Amino acid sequence: MIYRYKGVDANGNKVRDKIEASSLAEAKSKLKNQKILYSDIKEESASVLDRLSFKRTYTVSPKELSNLSRELATYIRSGISIVQALRVVQNHYTDNKKLSLFLSEVNTLLDEGKTFYAALNEQTIVRLPEFYKQSIKVSEDGGILDEVLMELADFLKEQEKLRKEVKSAFAYPGFMIAVSLIMIAFMLTFVVPQITSIFASMHQELPTPTKVVIALANFFSHHYMALLVSLSAFVVLFVVLRKKSEKFAYGVDRILLKVPFFGNLIEHSELARFAYMASLLVRSGVTFVQTINLSSNILNNRVIKKVFQDASKEVVEGKTLSNALLKSPYKIDYAFVQTVALGEETSEVESVLSNISQLYFEENRDKTSMLLSLLEPALMLFVGGSIGFIVAAMLLPIFSMSIQ
């Protein structure tokens, strides 16, 4: 439950904020630990949106987590303790409900004597990635918390940047496809049937293209609602099965990897993310087996994720990662395996993984740019060709009448 309070802090400043607690007594105890003398405290009534929400924890965006990590790293490097840094940073997020509650909860747990990792792990406000928490845990033990926080900030920023690049890159093609399909459906459903009545009064044989267009128009005009319902049901069923059925999701991911061009793009993207995360964790001091497991958890493709999870079991038994990858049923990019093997032989796994991640990221950017440069004219041809075919098919009978 969330409690809203107002009072005075240890420095004599008036404060008005929120705190999470399971009961009023616990909320008062937490305020006491924070040395806050409250004058008023009461449970905050949930809004309509909160009542409708079924989520127990908030999801924080990579950009928000990156900015927060960078701020904390900057303050810690200036000589401020993590406790003081969190209190300073909390003042910057007073307008952000979820991060304000998150930082308040972490501060409370730190006041109770918890480590930063334990506070992040026990708080229930924000759902944090496991690799993020494990990196914090190792960095606290090694005394390099500021360095790891800055590395995590860079990684999260790079992932957010990459996501935005892909999203913006495919925005125009997606818009073109949607508009073209809407235009074709509109013409077949509403325009063509109006002209068909004219052809019926001619009592003459229609050209084959015209018959095809009229047949399509009749089908769409009589079944467009059934098509929309079927399409919507298919999309919903697909999404639900992908979320609920691990076997179905694994099969879909396996098919995606076999798609020409796109399969290679997906594989290299996943390998780049794995390599970048693994290099960061190795540099943070995480054990190699744990590094493989944590890095595989950030992958979206279940086939490649399983390859690395199975490989980690082989590494526990004393085998190298490169040999474990070579024995995997799904053969990932051989160049990646060879690069990992080189890093293992020279004990430069961290730098090798960092380099190959940059290589794959740049290669995917070039491939995406090339795809888009070819896709735009192809879409224009598709839109123009489709509409042109419909128009020409409707004009052919008129031309034949004028000739006769």
Protein backbone atom coordinates (compact mmCIF):
# COMPACT_ATOMS: atom_id res chain seq x y z
CA MET A 1 0.00 0.00 0.00
CA ILE A 2 1.04 3.58 -0.65
CA TYR A 3 0.94 6.14 2.17
CA ARG A 4 1.10 9.88 1.66
CA TYR A 5 2.77 11.88 4.43
CA LYS A 6 4.02 15.35 5.29
CA GLY A 7 6.39 16.42 8.03
CA VAL A 8 9.93 17.60 8.74
CA ASP A 9 13.20 15.79 7.92
CA ALA A 10 16.41 15.64 9.98
CA ASN A 11 17.61 18.96 8.50
CA GLY A 12 14.44 20.78 9.48
CA ASN A 13 13.09 20.96 5.93
CA LYS A 14 9.42 20.42 5.25
CA VAL A 15 8.77 17.27 3.23
CA ARG A 16 5.70 15.96 1.47
CA ASP A 17 6.07 12.56 -0.22
CA LYS A 18 4.84 8.98 -0.50
CA ILE A 19 6.10 5.73 0.99
CA GLU A 20 5.19 2.11 0.38
CA ALA A 21 4.42 -0.18 3.32
CA SER A 22 2.23 -3.19 4.09
CA SER A 23 0.58 -1.38 7.01
CA LEU A 24 0.33 2.02 8.69
CA ALA A 25 2.59 0.84 11.51
CA GLU A 26 5.28 -0.20 9.04
CA ALA A 27 5.00 3.14 7.23
CA LYS A 28 5.51 5.01 10.53
CA SER A 29 8.48 2.78 11.36
CA LYS A 30 10.09 3.49 7.99
CA LEU A 31 9.66 7.25 8.47
CA LYS A 32 11.23 6.96 11.89
CA ASN A 33 14.25 5.16 10.40
CA GLN A 34 14.56 7.98 7.87
CA LYS A 35 14.49 10.48 10.77
CA ILE A 36 11.32 12.14 9.48
CA LEU A 37 8.90 13.64 11.98
CA TYR A 38 5.52 13.31 10.29
CA SER A 39 2.59 15.58 11.07
CA ASP A 40 0.14 13.74 8.86
CA ILE A 41 0.14 10.29 7.29
CA LYS A 42 -2.67 8.46 5.51
CA GLU A 43 -3.18 5.79 2.92
CA GLU A 44 -3.40 7.11 -0.63
CA SER A 45 -6.62 6.16 -2.38
CA ALA A 46 -6.06 4.33 -5.64
CA SER A 47 -7.04 6.08 -8.85
CA VAL A 48 -9.38 4.53 -11.40
CA LEU A 49 -6.41 3.60 -13.60
CA ASP A 50 -4.61 2.02 -10.67
CA ARG A 51 -7.68 -0.05 -9.82
CA LEU A 52 -7.93 -1.27 -13.39
CA SER A 53 -4.23 -2.13 -13.50
CA PHE A 54 -3.34 -5.75 -12.86
CA LYS A 55 0.38 -5.10 -12.58
CA ARG A 56 2.02 -5.40 -9.20
CA THR A 57 5.24 -3.72 -10.25
CA TYR A 58 6.12 -0.95 -12.67
CA THR A 59 8.25 -1.41 -15.75
CA VAL A 60 11.03 1.13 -16.11
CA SER A 61 12.27 2.01 -19.59
CA PRO A 62 15.94 1.46 -20.54
CA LYS A 63 16.30 5.21 -21.01
CA GLU A 64 15.06 5.98 -17.48
CA LEU A 65 17.25 3.28 -15.94
CA SER A 66 20.23 4.53 -17.96
CA ASN A 67 19.78 8.12 -16.80
CA LEU A 68 19.33 7.01 -13.19
CA SER A 69 22.47 4.84 -13.31
CA ARG A 70 24.52 7.62 -14.86
CA GLU A 71 23.43 10.11 -12.19
CA LEU A 72 24.29 7.70 -9.38
CA ALA A 73 27.69 6.92 -10.95
CA THR A 74 28.48 10.64 -11.26
CA TYR A 75 27.67 11.34 -7.60
CA ILE A 76 29.57 8.29 -6.34
CA ARG A 77 32.65 9.31 -8.34
CA SER A 78 32.53 12.72 -6.69
CA GLY A 79 32.94 11.04 -3.30
CA ILE A 80 29.31 10.84 -2.17
CA SER A 81 28.11 7.58 -0.60
CA ILE A 82 25.42 5.54 -2.36
CA VAL A 83 22.93 6.44 0.41
CA GLN A 84 23.52 10.18 -0.04
CA ALA A 85 23.55 9.83 -3.82
CA LEU A 86 20.14 8.14 -3.79
CA ARG A 87 18.67 10.86 -1.58
CA VAL A 88 19.96 13.58 -3.92
CA VAL A 89 18.75 11.77 -7.03
CA GLN A 90 15.31 11.19 -5.47
CA ASN A 91 14.73 14.96 -5.50
CA HIS A 92 15.14 14.91 -9.30
CA TYR A 93 12.25 12.48 -9.77
CA THR A 94 9.51 14.02 -7.67
CA ASP A 95 7.28 14.26 -10.77
CA ASN A 96 7.93 10.63 -11.75
CA LYS A 97 5.65 8.51 -9.53
CA LYS A 98 7.21 5.11 -10.14
CA LEU A 99 10.87 6.21 -9.82
CA SER A 100 10.10 8.38 -6.80
CA LEU A 101 8.49 5.43 -5.01
CA PHE A 102 11.30 3.14 -6.18
CA LEU A 103 14.04 5.41 -4.82
CA SER A 104 12.10 5.95 -1.58
CA GLU A 105 11.79 2.20 -1.06
CA VAL A 106 15.49 1.61 -1.81
CA ASN A 107 16.47 4.40 0.60
CA THR A 108 14.34 2.83 3.33
CA LEU A 109 15.96 -0.58 2.83
CA LEU A 110 19.43 0.99 2.90
CA ASP A 111 18.54 2.72 6.18
CA GLU A 112 17.66 -0.71 7.57
CA GLY A 113 21.25 -1.83 6.90
CA LYS A 114 20.75 -3.58 3.55
CA THR A 115 23.37 -3.44 0.80
CA PHE A 116 22.52 -1.64 -2.44
CA TYR A 117 22.10 -4.98 -4.23
CA ALA A 118 19.85 -6.36 -1.46
CA ALA A 119 17.75 -3.18 -1.55
CA LEU A 120 17.33 -3.45 -5.33
CA ASN A 121 16.49 -7.13 -5.04
CA GLU A 122 13.94 -6.74 -2.23
CA GLN A 123 12.11 -3.62 -3.45
CA THR A 124 8.78 -4.34 -5.12
CA ILE A 125 8.13 -1.07 -6.98
CA VAL A 126 10.12 -1.56 -10.19
CA ARG A 127 10.94 -4.72 -12.12
CA LEU A 128 14.69 -4.62 -12.75
CA PRO A 129 16.62 -6.84 -15.21
CA GLU A 130 18.46 -9.68 -13.47
CA PHE A 131 21.77 -8.86 -15.19
CA TYR A 132 21.52 -5.31 -13.80
CA LYS A 133 21.12 -6.50 -10.21
CA GLN A 134 23.88 -9.10 -10.52
CA SER A 135 26.26 -6.50 -11.92
CA ILE A 136 25.52 -4.27 -8.92
CA LYS A 137 26.12 -7.18 -6.54
CA VAL A 138 29.55 -7.99 -7.95
CA SER A 139 30.60 -4.34 -8.27
CA GLU A 140 29.73 -3.67 -4.61
CA ASP A 141 31.93 -6.55 -3.52
CA GLY A 142 34.76 -5.35 -5.77
CA GLY A 143 34.49 -1.65 -4.90
CA ILE A 144 33.83 -0.58 -8.50
CA LEU A 145 30.19 0.43 -8.21
CA ASP A 146 30.64 3.77 -10.01
CA GLU A 147 32.42 2.14 -12.98
CA VAL A 148 29.81 -0.60 -13.39
CA LEU A 149 26.91 1.85 -13.07
CA MET A 150 28.43 3.95 -15.84
CA GLU A 151 28.95 0.83 -18.00
CA LEU A 152 25.35 -0.23 -17.40
CA ALA A 153 24.16 3.27 -18.30
CA ASP A 154 26.09 3.12 -21.59
CA PHE A 155 24.75 -0.35 -22.39
CA LEU A 156 21.12 0.59 -21.67
CA LYS A 157 21.50 3.79 -23.68
CA GLU A 158 22.94 1.86 -26.63
CA GLN A 159 20.07 -0.66 -26.50
CA GLU A 160 17.49 2.12 -26.40
CA LYS A 161 19.23 3.90 -29.28
CA LEU A 162 19.29 0.71 -31.34
CA ARG A 163 15.60 0.04 -30.62
CA LYS A 164 14.66 3.56 -31.72
CA GLU A 165 16.77 3.27 -34.89
CA VAL A 166 15.04 0.05 -35.90
CA LYS A 167 11.61 1.45 -35.02
CA SER A 168 12.13 4.67 -37.00
CA ALA A 169 13.73 2.79 -39.89
CA PHE A 170 10.70 0.57 -40.40
CA ALA A 171 8.12 3.27 -39.62
CA TYR A 172 7.91 4.54 -43.22
CA PRO A 173 7.74 1.08 -44.88
CA GLY A 174 5.14 0.00 -42.35
CA PHE A 175 3.09 3.13 -43.02
CA MET A 176 3.31 2.57 -46.78
CA ILE A 177 2.18 -1.05 -46.49
CA ALA A 178 -0.75 -0.11 -44.25
CA VAL A 179 -1.87 2.73 -46.54
CA SER A 180 -1.58 0.60 -49.68
CA LEU A 181 -3.61 -2.23 -48.17
CA ILE A 182 -6.30 0.20 -46.98
CA MET A 183 -6.50 1.83 -50.40
CA ILE A 184 -6.74 -1.51 -52.22
CA ALA A 185 -9.37 -2.79 -49.80
CA PHE A 186 -11.36 0.45 -50.16
CA MET A 187 -11.31 0.27 -53.95
CA LEU A 188 -12.28 -3.40 -54.02
CA THR A 189 -15.01 -3.01 -51.39
CA PHE A 190 -16.65 0.30 -52.37
CA VAL A 191 -15.40 1.63 -55.73
CA VAL A 192 -15.32 -1.47 -57.95
CA PRO A 193 -18.89 -2.64 -57.04
CA GLN A 194 -20.24 0.74 -58.22
CA ILE A 195 -18.66 0.27 -61.65
CA THR A 196 -19.64 -3.41 -61.89
CA SER A 197 -23.32 -2.50 -62.23
CA ILE A 198 -22.46 -0.59 -65.43
CA PHE A 199 -20.72 -3.65 -66.90
CA ALA A 200 -23.75 -5.81 -66.12
CA SER A 201 -25.90 -3.72 -68.46
CA MET A 202 -23.44 -4.19 -71.34
CA HIS A 203 -24.25 -7.88 -71.79
CA GLN A 204 -20.82 -8.61 -73.23
CA GLU A 205 -17.83 -10.80 -72.37
CA LEU A 206 -15.50 -9.05 -69.92
CA PRO A 207 -11.69 -9.28 -70.13
CA THR A 208 -9.98 -11.72 -67.74
CA PRO A 209 -8.30 -8.97 -65.60
CA THR A 210 -11.71 -7.34 -65.12
CA LYS A 211 -13.26 -10.66 -64.07
CA VAL A 212 -10.47 -11.18 -61.54
CA VAL A 213 -10.92 -7.72 -60.02
CA ILE A 214 -14.72 -8.07 -59.90
CA ALA A 215 -14.41 -11.50 -58.23
CA LEU A 216 -12.04 -10.04 -55.63
CA ALA A 217 -14.36 -7.08 -55.10
CA ASN A 218 -17.37 -9.34 -54.59
CA PHE A 219 -15.43 -11.45 -52.13
CA PHE A 220 -14.21 -8.45 -50.11
CA SER A 221 -17.56 -6.64 -50.12
CA HIS A 222 -19.43 -9.70 -48.84
CA HIS A 223 -16.80 -11.04 -46.45
CA TYR A 224 -14.78 -8.03 -45.25
CA MET A 225 -16.19 -8.27 -41.72
CA ALA A 226 -15.38 -11.97 -41.55
CA LEU A 227 -11.86 -11.22 -42.83
CA LEU A 228 -11.32 -8.50 -40.21
CA VAL A 229 -12.59 -10.73 -37.40
CA SER A 230 -10.48 -13.66 -38.62
CA LEU A 231 -7.37 -11.49 -38.92
CA SER A 232 -7.91 -10.00 -35.46
CA ALA A 233 -8.52 -13.46 -33.96
CA PHE A 234 -5.37 -14.78 -35.64
CA VAL A 235 -3.25 -11.92 -34.28
CA VAL A 236 -4.66 -12.31 -30.74
CA LEU A 237 -4.22 -16.09 -30.83
CA PHE A 238 -0.67 -15.74 -32.13
CA VAL A 239 0.29 -13.24 -29.40
CA VAL A 240 -1.31 -15.34 -26.64
CA LEU A 241 0.31 -18.58 -27.82
CA ARG A 242 3.69 -16.86 -28.12
CA LYS A 243 3.41 -15.64 -24.53
CA LYS A 244 1.83 -18.73 -22.96
CA SER A 245 3.29 -21.62 -24.97
CA GLU A 246 7.06 -21.98 -24.77
CA LYS A 247 7.02 -24.69 -27.42
CA PHE A 248 5.06 -22.52 -29.87
CA ALA A 249 7.31 -19.49 -29.25
CA TYR A 250 10.42 -21.62 -29.71
CA GLY A 251 9.06 -22.92 -33.03
CA VAL A 252 8.28 -19.40 -34.26
CA ASP A 253 11.77 -18.19 -33.31
CA ARG A 254 13.32 -21.15 -35.12
CA ILE A 255 11.33 -20.35 -38.30
CA LEU A 256 12.37 -16.70 -38.09
CA LEU A 257 16.04 -17.71 -38.07
CA LYS A 258 15.51 -19.63 -41.33
CA VAL A 259 14.00 -16.66 -43.19
CA PRO A 260 16.50 -15.48 -45.84
CA PHE A 261 18.30 -12.25 -44.95
CA PHE A 262 16.12 -11.54 -41.89
CA GLY A 263 17.26 -14.72 -40.13
CA ASN A 264 20.89 -13.65 -40.42
CA LEU A 265 19.96 -10.15 -39.25
CA ILE A 266 18.18 -11.52 -36.16
CA GLU A 267 21.02 -13.91 -35.30
CA HIS A 268 23.72 -11.25 -35.56
CA SER A 269 21.62 -8.83 -33.51
CA GLU A 270 21.22 -11.40 -30.72
CA LEU A 271 24.91 -12.35 -30.80
CA ALA A 272 25.89 -8.68 -30.63
CA ARG A 273 23.68 -8.10 -27.57
CA PHE A 274 25.04 -11.24 -25.89
CA ALA A 275 28.66 -10.27 -26.58
CA TYR A 276 28.19 -6.70 -25.34
CA MET A 277 26.48 -7.82 -22.13
CA ALA A 278 28.99 -10.61 -21.54
CA SER A 279 31.95 -8.25 -21.97
CA LEU A 280 30.38 -5.86 -19.45
CA LEU A 281 29.78 -8.62 -16.87
CA VAL A 282 33.27 -10.11 -17.29
CA ARG A 283 34.74 -6.62 -16.80
CA SER A 284 32.58 -6.25 -13.68
CA GLY A 285 34.06 -9.43 -12.19
CA VAL A 286 31.12 -11.80 -12.67
CA THR A 287 32.15 -15.45 -13.04
CA PHE A 288 32.14 -16.69 -16.63
CA VAL A 289 29.41 -19.29 -16.11
CA GLN A 290 27.16 -16.72 -14.46
CA THR A 291 28.05 -14.27 -17.23
CA ILE A 292 26.78 -16.68 -19.89
CA ASN A 293 23.50 -17.28 -18.02
CA LEU A 294 22.83 -13.61 -17.30
CA SER A 295 23.76 -12.51 -20.83
CA SER A 296 21.51 -15.14 -22.39
CA ASN A 297 18.57 -13.82 -20.34
CA ILE A 298 18.53 -10.54 -22.30
CA LEU A 299 18.11 -12.38 -25.64
CA ASN A 300 14.71 -12.37 -27.33
CA ASN A 301 15.18 -15.36 -29.64
CA ARG A 302 14.56 -18.52 -27.63
CA VAL A 303 16.59 -20.74 -29.94
CA ILE A 304 19.80 -18.76 -29.47
CA LYS A 305 19.02 -18.27 -25.77
CA LYS A 306 18.79 -22.05 -25.32
CA VAL A 307 22.09 -22.53 -27.15
CA PHE A 308 23.92 -20.37 -24.61
CA GLN A 309 22.03 -21.77 -21.61
CA ASP A 310 22.98 -25.31 -22.67
CA ALA A 311 26.54 -24.14 -23.29
CA SER A 312 26.78 -22.77 -19.75
CA LYS A 313 26.11 -26.27 -18.41
CA GLU A 314 29.03 -27.54 -20.49
CA VAL A 315 31.27 -24.76 -19.17
CA VAL A 316 30.40 -25.77 -15.58
CA GLU A 317 31.81 -29.21 -16.42
CA GLY A 318 35.11 -27.66 -17.48
CA LYS A 319 34.63 -27.26 -21.23
CA THR A 320 35.24 -24.04 -23.12
CA LEU A 321 32.35 -21.95 -24.41
CA SER A 322 33.57 -22.24 -28.01
CA ASN A 323 33.58 -26.07 -27.88
CA ALA A 324 30.14 -26.10 -26.26
CA LEU A 325 28.79 -23.86 -29.03
CA LEU A 326 30.27 -26.09 -31.72
CA LYS A 327 28.42 -29.11 -30.31
CA SER A 328 25.08 -27.30 -30.18
CA PRO A 329 22.30 -28.69 -32.47
CA TYR A 330 21.71 -25.16 -33.79
CA LYS A 331 24.89 -23.89 -35.42
CA ILE A 332 25.36 -20.21 -34.75
CA ASP A 333 27.68 -18.03 -36.82
CA TYR A 334 31.04 -19.83 -37.09
CA ALA A 335 32.93 -16.52 -37.04
CA PHE A 336 31.48 -15.80 -33.60
CA VAL A 337 32.58 -19.21 -32.27
CA GLN A 338 36.08 -18.74 -33.69
CA THR A 339 36.34 -15.30 -32.11
CA VAL A 340 35.28 -16.64 -28.72
CA ALA A 341 37.83 -19.47 -29.06
CA LEU A 342 40.55 -16.91 -29.80
CA GLY A 343 39.59 -14.91 -26.71
CA GLU A 344 39.68 -18.05 -24.55
CA GLU A 345 43.12 -19.01 -25.84
CA THR A 346 44.60 -15.56 -25.23
CA SER A 347 42.66 -14.86 -22.00
CA GLU A 348 41.23 -11.74 -23.64
CA VAL A 349 37.57 -12.79 -23.63
CA GLU A 350 36.30 -9.41 -22.46
CA SER A 351 38.00 -7.33 -25.19
CA VAL A 352 37.23 -9.90 -27.91
CA LEU A 353 33.53 -9.98 -27.01
CA SER A 354 33.40 -6.18 -26.91
CA ASN A 355 34.97 -5.94 -30.37
CA ILE A 356 32.74 -8.53 -31.99
CA SER A 357 29.62 -6.90 -30.53
CA GLN A 358 30.58 -3.61 -32.17
CA LEU A 359 31.32 -5.44 -35.43
CA TYR A 360 27.90 -7.10 -35.49
CA PHE A 361 26.08 -3.90 -34.51
CA GLU A 362 27.73 -1.98 -37.38
CA GLU A 363 27.14 -4.83 -39.83
CA ASN A 364 23.44 -4.92 -38.95
CA ARG A 365 23.15 -1.15 -39.36
CA ASP A 366 24.62 -1.42 -42.87
CA LYS A 367 22.30 -4.31 -43.76
CA THR A 368 19.26 -2.44 -42.44
CA SER A 369 20.18 0.67 -44.43
CA MET A 370 20.58 -1.41 -47.57
CA LEU A 371 17.26 -3.15 -46.99
CA LEU A 372 15.44 0.14 -46.53
CA SER A 373 17.03 1.66 -49.63
CA LEU A 374 15.64 -1.28 -51.65
CA LEU A 375 12.36 -1.54 -49.78
CA GLU A 376 11.13 2.01 -50.41
CA PRO A 377 11.10 1.83 -54.24
CA ALA A 378 9.74 -1.73 -54.07
CA LEU A 379 6.81 -0.53 -51.95
CA MET A 380 6.15 2.34 -54.33
CA LEU A 381 6.06 -0.13 -57.21
CA PHE A 382 3.73 -2.41 -55.24
CA VAL A 383 1.30 0.39 -54.41
CA GLY A 384 1.37 1.88 -57.89
CA GLY A 385 1.20 -1.51 -59.60
CA SER A 386 -1.73 -2.76 -57.50
CA ILE A 387 -3.85 0.35 -57.92
CA GLY A 388 -2.85 0.64 -61.58
CA PHE A 389 -3.94 -2.95 -62.21
CA ILE A 390 -7.36 -2.31 -60.65
CA VAL A 391 -7.86 0.90 -62.62
CA ALA A 392 -6.71 -0.71 -65.90
CA ALA A 393 -8.98 -3.71 -65.34
CA MET A 394 -11.96 -1.39 -64.90
CA LEU A 395 -11.11 0.63 -68.00
CA LEU A 396 -10.55 -2.32 -70.35
CA PRO A 397 -14.30 -2.98 -70.99
CA ILE A 398 -14.85 0.73 -71.65
CA PHE A 399 -12.01 0.78 -74.19
CA SER A 400 -13.43 -2.32 -75.92
CA MET A 401 -16.83 -0.58 -76.21
CA SER A 402 -15.29 2.49 -77.82
CA ILE A 403 -13.40 0.35 -80.33
CA GLN A 404 -16.58 -1.50 -81.29
